[in-house]
N, C-alpha and C. Protein backbone atom coordinates (compact mmCIF):
# COMPACT_ATOMS: atom_id res chain seq x y z
N MET A 1 203.76 -164.16 -5.45
CA MET A 1 203.70 -165.33 -4.59
C MET A 1 204.57 -166.41 -5.21
N ARG A 2 205.30 -167.10 -4.38
CA ARG A 2 206.15 -168.17 -4.87
C ARG A 2 205.29 -169.34 -5.33
N PRO A 3 205.56 -169.88 -6.53
CA PRO A 3 204.72 -170.96 -7.07
C PRO A 3 204.65 -172.18 -6.17
N GLU A 4 205.76 -172.51 -5.50
CA GLU A 4 205.74 -173.72 -4.67
C GLU A 4 204.84 -173.59 -3.44
N MET A 5 204.45 -172.35 -3.10
CA MET A 5 203.60 -172.14 -1.93
C MET A 5 202.15 -171.90 -2.32
N ALA A 6 201.88 -171.82 -3.60
CA ALA A 6 200.54 -171.46 -4.05
C ALA A 6 199.73 -172.69 -4.43
N LYS A 7 198.46 -172.58 -4.24
CA LYS A 7 197.52 -173.58 -4.72
C LYS A 7 196.45 -172.81 -5.47
N THR A 8 195.94 -173.40 -6.50
CA THR A 8 194.86 -172.74 -7.23
C THR A 8 193.55 -173.14 -6.59
N CYS A 9 192.72 -172.15 -6.35
CA CYS A 9 191.41 -172.44 -5.78
C CYS A 9 190.35 -172.04 -6.80
N ARG A 10 189.10 -172.19 -6.46
CA ARG A 10 188.01 -171.87 -7.38
C ARG A 10 188.22 -170.50 -7.99
N GLY A 11 187.90 -170.34 -9.23
CA GLY A 11 188.03 -169.07 -9.92
C GLY A 11 189.42 -168.83 -10.46
N GLY A 12 190.34 -169.81 -10.31
CA GLY A 12 191.66 -169.69 -10.87
C GLY A 12 192.60 -168.80 -10.08
N ARG A 13 192.17 -168.30 -8.93
CA ARG A 13 193.05 -167.45 -8.12
C ARG A 13 194.01 -168.33 -7.35
N GLU A 14 195.20 -167.78 -7.06
CA GLU A 14 196.15 -168.53 -6.26
C GLU A 14 195.90 -168.23 -4.80
N ARG A 15 196.16 -169.23 -4.00
CA ARG A 15 195.96 -169.08 -2.56
C ARG A 15 197.11 -169.77 -1.85
N ASN A 16 197.67 -169.15 -0.86
CA ASN A 16 198.78 -169.73 -0.13
C ASN A 16 198.29 -170.92 0.68
N SER A 17 199.04 -172.00 0.62
CA SER A 17 198.62 -173.22 1.30
C SER A 17 198.67 -173.09 2.81
N ARG A 18 199.41 -172.10 3.35
CA ARG A 18 199.46 -171.94 4.80
C ARG A 18 198.26 -171.16 5.33
N TRP A 19 197.54 -170.48 4.46
CA TRP A 19 196.37 -169.74 4.91
C TRP A 19 195.26 -170.73 5.20
N PRO A 20 194.41 -170.40 6.16
CA PRO A 20 193.32 -171.31 6.48
C PRO A 20 192.42 -171.54 5.27
N ARG A 21 191.93 -172.72 5.16
CA ARG A 21 191.05 -173.06 4.05
C ARG A 21 189.68 -172.41 4.25
N THR A 22 189.37 -172.01 5.46
CA THR A 22 188.10 -171.35 5.72
C THR A 22 188.32 -169.86 5.81
N GLY A 23 187.25 -169.14 5.84
CA GLY A 23 187.32 -167.69 5.86
C GLY A 23 186.38 -167.17 4.80
N VAL A 24 186.02 -165.93 4.90
CA VAL A 24 185.07 -165.37 3.97
C VAL A 24 185.81 -164.99 2.69
N SER A 25 185.42 -165.59 1.59
CA SER A 25 186.02 -165.24 0.31
C SER A 25 185.38 -163.95 -0.18
N SER A 26 186.03 -163.30 -1.14
CA SER A 26 185.47 -162.05 -1.65
C SER A 26 184.13 -162.31 -2.33
N SER A 27 183.98 -163.44 -3.00
CA SER A 27 182.70 -163.72 -3.65
C SER A 27 181.62 -163.99 -2.62
N THR A 28 181.96 -164.67 -1.54
CA THR A 28 180.98 -164.91 -0.47
C THR A 28 180.57 -163.60 0.18
N ALA A 29 181.56 -162.73 0.42
CA ALA A 29 181.26 -161.45 1.05
C ALA A 29 180.35 -160.61 0.17
N ARG A 30 180.60 -160.63 -1.14
CA ARG A 30 179.76 -159.84 -2.05
C ARG A 30 178.34 -160.37 -2.07
N ARG A 31 178.18 -161.68 -2.06
CA ARG A 31 176.84 -162.27 -2.12
C ARG A 31 176.12 -162.18 -0.78
N GLY A 32 176.88 -161.98 0.29
CA GLY A 32 176.27 -161.96 1.61
C GLY A 32 175.98 -163.36 2.12
N ASN A 33 176.54 -164.38 1.47
CA ASN A 33 176.33 -165.76 1.88
C ASN A 33 177.44 -166.18 2.82
N SER A 34 177.19 -167.18 3.60
CA SER A 34 178.25 -167.72 4.43
C SER A 34 178.02 -169.22 4.60
N HIS A 35 179.08 -169.88 4.98
CA HIS A 35 179.05 -171.31 5.23
C HIS A 35 179.54 -171.53 6.64
N PRO A 36 179.30 -172.69 7.23
CA PRO A 36 179.69 -172.90 8.63
C PRO A 36 181.16 -172.61 8.91
N GLY A 37 182.07 -172.92 8.02
CA GLY A 37 183.49 -172.69 8.26
C GLY A 37 183.94 -171.27 8.00
N ASP A 38 183.09 -170.44 7.40
CA ASP A 38 183.49 -169.09 7.01
C ASP A 38 183.85 -168.21 8.20
N MET A 39 183.35 -168.48 9.35
CA MET A 39 183.55 -167.58 10.48
C MET A 39 184.76 -167.94 11.33
N GLN A 40 185.55 -168.92 10.93
CA GLN A 40 186.66 -169.37 11.75
C GLN A 40 187.63 -168.22 12.09
N LEU A 41 187.96 -167.39 11.13
CA LEU A 41 188.86 -166.27 11.41
C LEU A 41 188.22 -165.27 12.36
N MET A 42 186.97 -164.92 12.13
CA MET A 42 186.32 -163.94 13.00
C MET A 42 186.15 -164.51 14.41
N GLU A 43 185.91 -165.79 14.53
CA GLU A 43 185.83 -166.40 15.85
C GLU A 43 187.17 -166.30 16.56
N ALA A 44 188.27 -166.42 15.83
CA ALA A 44 189.59 -166.26 16.42
C ALA A 44 189.80 -164.80 16.85
N VAL A 45 189.27 -163.87 16.08
CA VAL A 45 189.39 -162.44 16.42
C VAL A 45 188.67 -162.15 17.73
N VAL A 46 187.45 -162.64 17.90
CA VAL A 46 186.65 -162.32 19.08
C VAL A 46 186.88 -163.27 20.26
N ALA A 47 187.79 -164.22 20.10
CA ALA A 47 188.11 -165.14 21.20
C ALA A 47 188.59 -164.35 22.41
N ARG A 48 188.22 -164.79 23.58
CA ARG A 48 188.53 -164.06 24.82
C ARG A 48 190.02 -163.72 24.95
N GLU A 49 190.89 -164.69 24.73
CA GLU A 49 192.33 -164.47 24.89
C GLU A 49 192.83 -163.37 23.95
N ASN A 50 192.36 -163.38 22.70
CA ASN A 50 192.77 -162.37 21.73
C ASN A 50 192.23 -160.99 22.12
N MET A 51 190.98 -160.94 22.57
CA MET A 51 190.38 -159.65 22.93
C MET A 51 191.03 -159.06 24.17
N VAL A 52 191.38 -159.90 25.14
CA VAL A 52 192.05 -159.40 26.35
C VAL A 52 193.41 -158.82 25.98
N LYS A 53 194.13 -159.52 25.13
CA LYS A 53 195.43 -159.02 24.66
C LYS A 53 195.27 -157.68 23.93
N ALA A 54 194.25 -157.58 23.08
CA ALA A 54 193.99 -156.34 22.36
C ALA A 54 193.60 -155.22 23.32
N LEU A 55 192.80 -155.54 24.32
CA LEU A 55 192.38 -154.55 25.31
C LEU A 55 193.59 -153.98 26.05
N TYR A 56 194.47 -154.86 26.51
CA TYR A 56 195.68 -154.39 27.19
C TYR A 56 196.50 -153.47 26.29
N ARG A 57 196.61 -153.83 25.02
CA ARG A 57 197.40 -153.03 24.08
C ARG A 57 196.78 -151.64 23.89
N VAL A 58 195.46 -151.58 23.71
CA VAL A 58 194.77 -150.30 23.52
C VAL A 58 194.89 -149.45 24.79
N GLU A 59 194.70 -150.07 25.94
CA GLU A 59 194.82 -149.32 27.20
C GLU A 59 196.24 -148.80 27.38
N ARG A 60 197.23 -149.60 27.07
CA ARG A 60 198.63 -149.20 27.22
C ARG A 60 198.99 -148.06 26.27
N ASN A 61 198.45 -148.09 25.05
CA ASN A 61 198.74 -147.05 24.07
C ASN A 61 198.05 -145.73 24.37
N LYS A 62 197.01 -145.79 25.20
CA LYS A 62 196.20 -144.60 25.54
C LYS A 62 195.66 -143.96 24.27
N GLY A 63 195.99 -142.74 23.98
CA GLY A 63 195.49 -142.09 22.77
C GLY A 63 194.27 -141.25 23.03
N ALA A 64 193.94 -140.44 22.06
CA ALA A 64 192.82 -139.50 22.16
C ALA A 64 191.48 -140.22 21.94
N SER A 65 190.43 -139.57 22.38
CA SER A 65 189.07 -140.08 22.20
C SER A 65 188.61 -139.86 20.77
N GLY A 66 187.73 -140.73 20.31
CA GLY A 66 187.13 -140.58 18.99
C GLY A 66 185.88 -139.72 19.07
N VAL A 67 185.00 -139.86 18.11
CA VAL A 67 183.79 -139.03 18.04
C VAL A 67 182.86 -139.25 19.23
N ASP A 68 182.98 -140.39 19.90
CA ASP A 68 182.11 -140.68 21.05
C ASP A 68 182.66 -140.15 22.37
N ASN A 69 183.87 -139.58 22.35
CA ASN A 69 184.54 -139.02 23.53
C ASN A 69 184.86 -140.04 24.62
N MET A 70 184.80 -141.34 24.32
CA MET A 70 185.16 -142.36 25.30
C MET A 70 186.68 -142.45 25.39
N THR A 71 187.19 -142.52 26.61
CA THR A 71 188.62 -142.65 26.82
C THR A 71 189.01 -144.12 26.96
N THR A 72 190.29 -144.39 26.86
CA THR A 72 190.75 -145.77 27.05
C THR A 72 190.48 -146.23 28.48
N GLY A 73 190.44 -145.30 29.43
CA GLY A 73 190.14 -145.65 30.82
C GLY A 73 188.69 -146.07 31.02
N GLU A 74 187.81 -145.66 30.15
CA GLU A 74 186.39 -146.02 30.24
C GLU A 74 186.04 -147.27 29.45
N LEU A 75 186.97 -147.73 28.62
CA LEU A 75 186.68 -148.83 27.70
C LEU A 75 186.33 -150.13 28.42
N ARG A 76 187.08 -150.49 29.43
CA ARG A 76 186.87 -151.78 30.12
C ARG A 76 185.46 -151.87 30.72
N SER A 77 185.01 -150.84 31.40
CA SER A 77 183.67 -150.89 32.01
C SER A 77 182.59 -150.88 30.92
N TYR A 78 182.83 -150.17 29.83
CA TYR A 78 181.88 -150.16 28.71
C TYR A 78 181.73 -151.57 28.14
N LEU A 79 182.86 -152.26 27.97
CA LEU A 79 182.83 -153.60 27.39
C LEU A 79 182.12 -154.61 28.29
N LYS A 80 182.18 -154.42 29.60
CA LYS A 80 181.50 -155.34 30.52
C LYS A 80 180.01 -155.39 30.22
N VAL A 81 179.47 -154.27 29.76
CA VAL A 81 178.04 -154.20 29.45
C VAL A 81 177.78 -154.49 27.97
N GLU A 82 178.56 -153.91 27.10
CA GLU A 82 178.26 -153.93 25.67
C GLU A 82 178.94 -155.04 24.86
N TRP A 83 179.94 -155.74 25.42
CA TRP A 83 180.68 -156.72 24.63
C TRP A 83 179.80 -157.81 24.01
N PRO A 84 178.82 -158.39 24.71
CA PRO A 84 178.01 -159.43 24.06
C PRO A 84 177.34 -158.94 22.77
N ARG A 85 176.83 -157.72 22.77
CA ARG A 85 176.20 -157.16 21.57
C ARG A 85 177.24 -156.93 20.47
N ILE A 86 178.37 -156.34 20.83
CA ILE A 86 179.41 -156.05 19.83
C ILE A 86 179.92 -157.36 19.21
N LYS A 87 180.16 -158.36 20.06
CA LYS A 87 180.65 -159.66 19.57
C LYS A 87 179.65 -160.29 18.62
N GLU A 88 178.39 -160.24 18.97
CA GLU A 88 177.35 -160.82 18.11
C GLU A 88 177.30 -160.08 16.77
N GLU A 89 177.41 -158.74 16.79
CA GLU A 89 177.41 -157.97 15.55
C GLU A 89 178.63 -158.32 14.69
N LEU A 90 179.79 -158.49 15.31
CA LEU A 90 180.99 -158.86 14.57
C LEU A 90 180.83 -160.22 13.91
N LEU A 91 180.35 -161.20 14.66
CA LEU A 91 180.19 -162.55 14.14
C LEU A 91 179.11 -162.62 13.05
N ALA A 92 178.10 -161.76 13.16
CA ALA A 92 177.02 -161.76 12.17
C ALA A 92 177.35 -160.87 10.97
N GLY A 93 178.46 -160.15 11.03
CA GLY A 93 178.83 -159.27 9.92
C GLY A 93 178.03 -157.99 9.89
N ARG A 94 177.45 -157.61 11.02
CA ARG A 94 176.63 -156.39 11.09
C ARG A 94 177.31 -155.23 11.79
N TYR A 95 178.50 -155.43 12.31
CA TYR A 95 179.18 -154.36 13.05
C TYR A 95 179.54 -153.22 12.10
N LYS A 96 179.24 -152.00 12.51
CA LYS A 96 179.57 -150.81 11.73
C LYS A 96 180.47 -149.92 12.57
N PRO A 97 181.69 -149.65 12.11
CA PRO A 97 182.56 -148.74 12.86
C PRO A 97 181.96 -147.34 12.91
N GLN A 98 182.32 -146.62 13.96
CA GLN A 98 181.88 -145.24 14.10
C GLN A 98 182.67 -144.34 13.15
N PRO A 99 182.15 -143.16 12.86
CA PRO A 99 182.95 -142.21 12.07
C PRO A 99 184.26 -141.89 12.79
N VAL A 100 185.23 -141.46 12.03
CA VAL A 100 186.54 -141.11 12.57
C VAL A 100 186.57 -139.61 12.86
N ARG A 101 187.09 -139.26 14.04
CA ARG A 101 187.22 -137.83 14.38
C ARG A 101 188.42 -137.27 13.64
N ARG A 102 188.22 -136.18 12.94
CA ARG A 102 189.29 -135.54 12.16
C ARG A 102 189.87 -134.37 12.93
N VAL A 103 191.18 -134.38 13.04
CA VAL A 103 191.89 -133.25 13.65
C VAL A 103 193.07 -132.91 12.75
N GLU A 104 193.58 -131.71 12.89
CA GLU A 104 194.77 -131.32 12.15
C GLU A 104 195.90 -131.13 13.14
N ILE A 105 197.05 -131.67 12.80
CA ILE A 105 198.23 -131.52 13.65
C ILE A 105 199.32 -130.83 12.85
N PRO A 106 200.16 -130.05 13.53
CA PRO A 106 201.21 -129.33 12.80
C PRO A 106 202.29 -130.29 12.29
N LYS A 107 202.77 -130.03 11.08
CA LYS A 107 203.88 -130.78 10.50
C LYS A 107 205.18 -130.13 10.92
N ALA A 108 206.24 -130.92 11.01
CA ALA A 108 207.54 -130.41 11.45
C ALA A 108 208.04 -129.28 10.55
N GLY A 109 207.82 -129.40 9.25
CA GLY A 109 208.31 -128.40 8.30
C GLY A 109 207.32 -127.27 8.05
N GLY A 110 206.32 -127.16 8.88
CA GLY A 110 205.28 -126.15 8.68
C GLY A 110 204.05 -126.76 8.03
N GLY A 111 202.96 -126.09 8.15
CA GLY A 111 201.70 -126.59 7.61
C GLY A 111 201.02 -127.54 8.58
N MET A 112 199.94 -128.10 8.12
CA MET A 112 199.14 -129.00 8.95
C MET A 112 198.92 -130.32 8.23
N ARG A 113 198.70 -131.36 9.03
CA ARG A 113 198.43 -132.68 8.49
C ARG A 113 197.14 -133.18 9.11
N ALA A 114 196.25 -133.73 8.27
CA ALA A 114 194.99 -134.28 8.76
C ALA A 114 195.26 -135.61 9.45
N LEU A 115 194.59 -135.84 10.56
CA LEU A 115 194.73 -137.08 11.31
C LEU A 115 193.35 -137.58 11.66
N GLY A 116 193.10 -138.87 11.44
CA GLY A 116 191.82 -139.48 11.80
C GLY A 116 191.97 -140.27 13.08
N ILE A 117 191.07 -140.04 14.02
CA ILE A 117 191.13 -140.74 15.31
C ILE A 117 189.87 -141.60 15.46
N PRO A 118 190.05 -142.94 15.39
CA PRO A 118 188.89 -143.82 15.58
C PRO A 118 188.49 -143.88 17.05
N THR A 119 187.30 -144.37 17.32
CA THR A 119 186.86 -144.55 18.70
C THR A 119 187.71 -145.64 19.35
N VAL A 120 187.73 -145.68 20.67
CA VAL A 120 188.54 -146.70 21.34
C VAL A 120 187.98 -148.10 21.09
N VAL A 121 186.67 -148.22 20.92
CA VAL A 121 186.09 -149.54 20.61
C VAL A 121 186.57 -149.99 19.24
N ASP A 122 186.58 -149.08 18.28
CA ASP A 122 187.06 -149.45 16.94
C ASP A 122 188.56 -149.73 16.96
N ARG A 123 189.31 -149.03 17.78
CA ARG A 123 190.75 -149.33 17.91
C ARG A 123 190.94 -150.72 18.51
N LEU A 124 190.11 -151.08 19.47
CA LEU A 124 190.16 -152.42 20.07
C LEU A 124 189.92 -153.49 19.00
N ILE A 125 188.91 -153.30 18.19
CA ILE A 125 188.58 -154.28 17.14
C ILE A 125 189.69 -154.32 16.10
N GLN A 126 190.23 -153.16 15.73
CA GLN A 126 191.35 -153.12 14.79
C GLN A 126 192.55 -153.90 15.34
N GLN A 127 192.85 -153.70 16.61
CA GLN A 127 193.98 -154.39 17.23
C GLN A 127 193.75 -155.90 17.25
N ALA A 128 192.53 -156.31 17.60
CA ALA A 128 192.21 -157.74 17.63
C ALA A 128 192.34 -158.36 16.24
N LEU A 129 191.87 -157.66 15.22
CA LEU A 129 192.01 -158.13 13.85
C LEU A 129 193.48 -158.23 13.46
N HIS A 130 194.24 -157.21 13.81
CA HIS A 130 195.67 -157.18 13.49
C HIS A 130 196.40 -158.39 14.10
N GLN A 131 196.08 -158.72 15.34
CA GLN A 131 196.75 -159.82 16.04
C GLN A 131 196.48 -161.17 15.37
N VAL A 132 195.34 -161.33 14.74
CA VAL A 132 195.01 -162.59 14.08
C VAL A 132 195.51 -162.60 12.64
N LEU A 133 195.36 -161.48 11.94
CA LEU A 133 195.69 -161.47 10.51
C LEU A 133 197.17 -161.28 10.20
N SER A 134 197.88 -160.52 11.01
CA SER A 134 199.30 -160.28 10.72
C SER A 134 200.13 -161.56 10.62
N PRO A 135 199.98 -162.49 11.54
CA PRO A 135 200.78 -163.72 11.41
C PRO A 135 200.45 -164.51 10.13
N LEU A 136 199.26 -164.33 9.59
CA LEU A 136 198.90 -165.03 8.36
C LEU A 136 199.50 -164.37 7.13
N PHE A 137 199.51 -163.04 7.10
CA PHE A 137 199.92 -162.33 5.90
C PHE A 137 201.38 -161.87 5.92
N ASP A 138 201.91 -161.50 7.06
CA ASP A 138 203.24 -160.93 7.12
C ASP A 138 204.33 -161.84 6.54
N PRO A 139 204.30 -163.14 6.77
CA PRO A 139 205.35 -164.00 6.20
C PRO A 139 205.40 -163.98 4.68
N GLU A 140 204.32 -163.59 4.03
CA GLU A 140 204.26 -163.61 2.58
C GLU A 140 204.78 -162.32 1.94
N PHE A 141 205.02 -161.28 2.73
CA PHE A 141 205.54 -160.04 2.18
C PHE A 141 207.00 -160.23 1.79
N SER A 142 207.43 -159.47 0.82
CA SER A 142 208.82 -159.49 0.39
C SER A 142 209.71 -159.04 1.54
N GLN A 143 210.92 -159.59 1.60
CA GLN A 143 211.87 -159.15 2.63
C GLN A 143 212.26 -157.70 2.40
N HIS A 144 211.97 -157.15 1.23
CA HIS A 144 212.31 -155.77 0.90
C HIS A 144 211.15 -154.82 1.18
N SER A 145 210.05 -155.32 1.73
CA SER A 145 208.90 -154.49 2.04
C SER A 145 209.04 -153.94 3.47
N TYR A 146 208.91 -152.63 3.61
CA TYR A 146 209.11 -152.00 4.91
C TYR A 146 207.86 -151.30 5.45
N GLY A 147 206.85 -151.06 4.64
CA GLY A 147 205.70 -150.28 5.06
C GLY A 147 204.83 -150.98 6.08
N PHE A 148 204.67 -150.36 7.25
CA PHE A 148 203.77 -150.83 8.31
C PHE A 148 204.04 -152.29 8.67
N ARG A 149 205.30 -152.65 8.81
CA ARG A 149 205.69 -154.02 9.14
C ARG A 149 206.34 -154.04 10.51
N PRO A 150 206.13 -155.10 11.28
CA PRO A 150 206.75 -155.19 12.60
C PRO A 150 208.27 -155.18 12.49
N GLY A 151 208.90 -154.37 13.32
CA GLY A 151 210.35 -154.32 13.36
C GLY A 151 210.99 -153.62 12.18
N ARG A 152 210.21 -152.91 11.39
CA ARG A 152 210.74 -152.19 10.23
C ARG A 152 210.25 -150.76 10.26
N SER A 153 211.02 -149.88 9.62
CA SER A 153 210.67 -148.46 9.63
C SER A 153 211.02 -147.83 8.30
N ALA A 154 210.55 -146.60 8.12
CA ALA A 154 210.88 -145.84 6.92
C ALA A 154 212.39 -145.60 6.86
N HIS A 155 213.02 -145.37 8.01
CA HIS A 155 214.47 -145.16 8.04
C HIS A 155 215.22 -146.39 7.55
N MET A 156 214.75 -147.57 7.93
CA MET A 156 215.37 -148.81 7.46
C MET A 156 215.21 -148.96 5.95
N ALA A 157 214.06 -148.54 5.42
CA ALA A 157 213.82 -148.62 3.98
C ALA A 157 214.79 -147.71 3.23
N VAL A 158 215.01 -146.51 3.76
CA VAL A 158 215.94 -145.59 3.12
C VAL A 158 217.34 -146.17 3.12
N LYS A 159 217.77 -146.73 4.24
CA LYS A 159 219.11 -147.35 4.33
C LYS A 159 219.25 -148.48 3.33
N ALA A 160 218.21 -149.31 3.22
CA ALA A 160 218.25 -150.45 2.29
C ALA A 160 218.34 -149.95 0.85
N ALA A 161 217.65 -148.88 0.53
CA ALA A 161 217.66 -148.34 -0.83
C ALA A 161 219.01 -147.72 -1.18
N GLN A 162 219.70 -147.20 -0.17
CA GLN A 162 220.98 -146.56 -0.40
C GLN A 162 222.12 -147.57 -0.53
N GLY A 163 221.88 -148.73 -0.03
CA GLY A 163 222.93 -149.57 -0.24
C GLY A 163 223.39 -150.77 0.31
C-alpha cells in the first residue's frame, strides 16, 4: 500500500483512507460484537438497487442449478417470498450459504477438472457483494495484477510478462 494513502488505525494496521471508516473489522467479527456503523457495507449490499442489479446479472448469466436444483428462472419468484428472511439473516450475520454442488468437467488436454456450482441464491448474494466491494478494493491492486480483475485476463498477463 502506498504510504500517502494509508492511515494507521487501532492495532497498528494500515487502512486506506478511501475505504469506509465503518464496516466489520476482523476483531469485531471474531468477537461477534457489532456497533451501529458496522453494518453500513452490508446495508449497501442488500439495498434494493444493488440487489436488482445483481438479480439481472445472475438471470442473464443463467448457469447450472446448485444442490437445491433451483434454476435462475425460478429465482425471482422464490425471492418474492423468501427475500425478507434472507435479508434479515444477512444483516444479522446469520446467513449460511448452501453446500456447493461438485461436478467434474473434461479438460481440453484430457482428464477432468472439479467444478463447484453454488445455488442461484448464493450466486445472487456473491454478485451483490462483488458489486459493492470491487469498487472499494480494485483501485488498490497493482497495475500489474491480472487475476480475476475486470477487463483483464490470463492472456493479458502472459503478454505483459513477455514484454
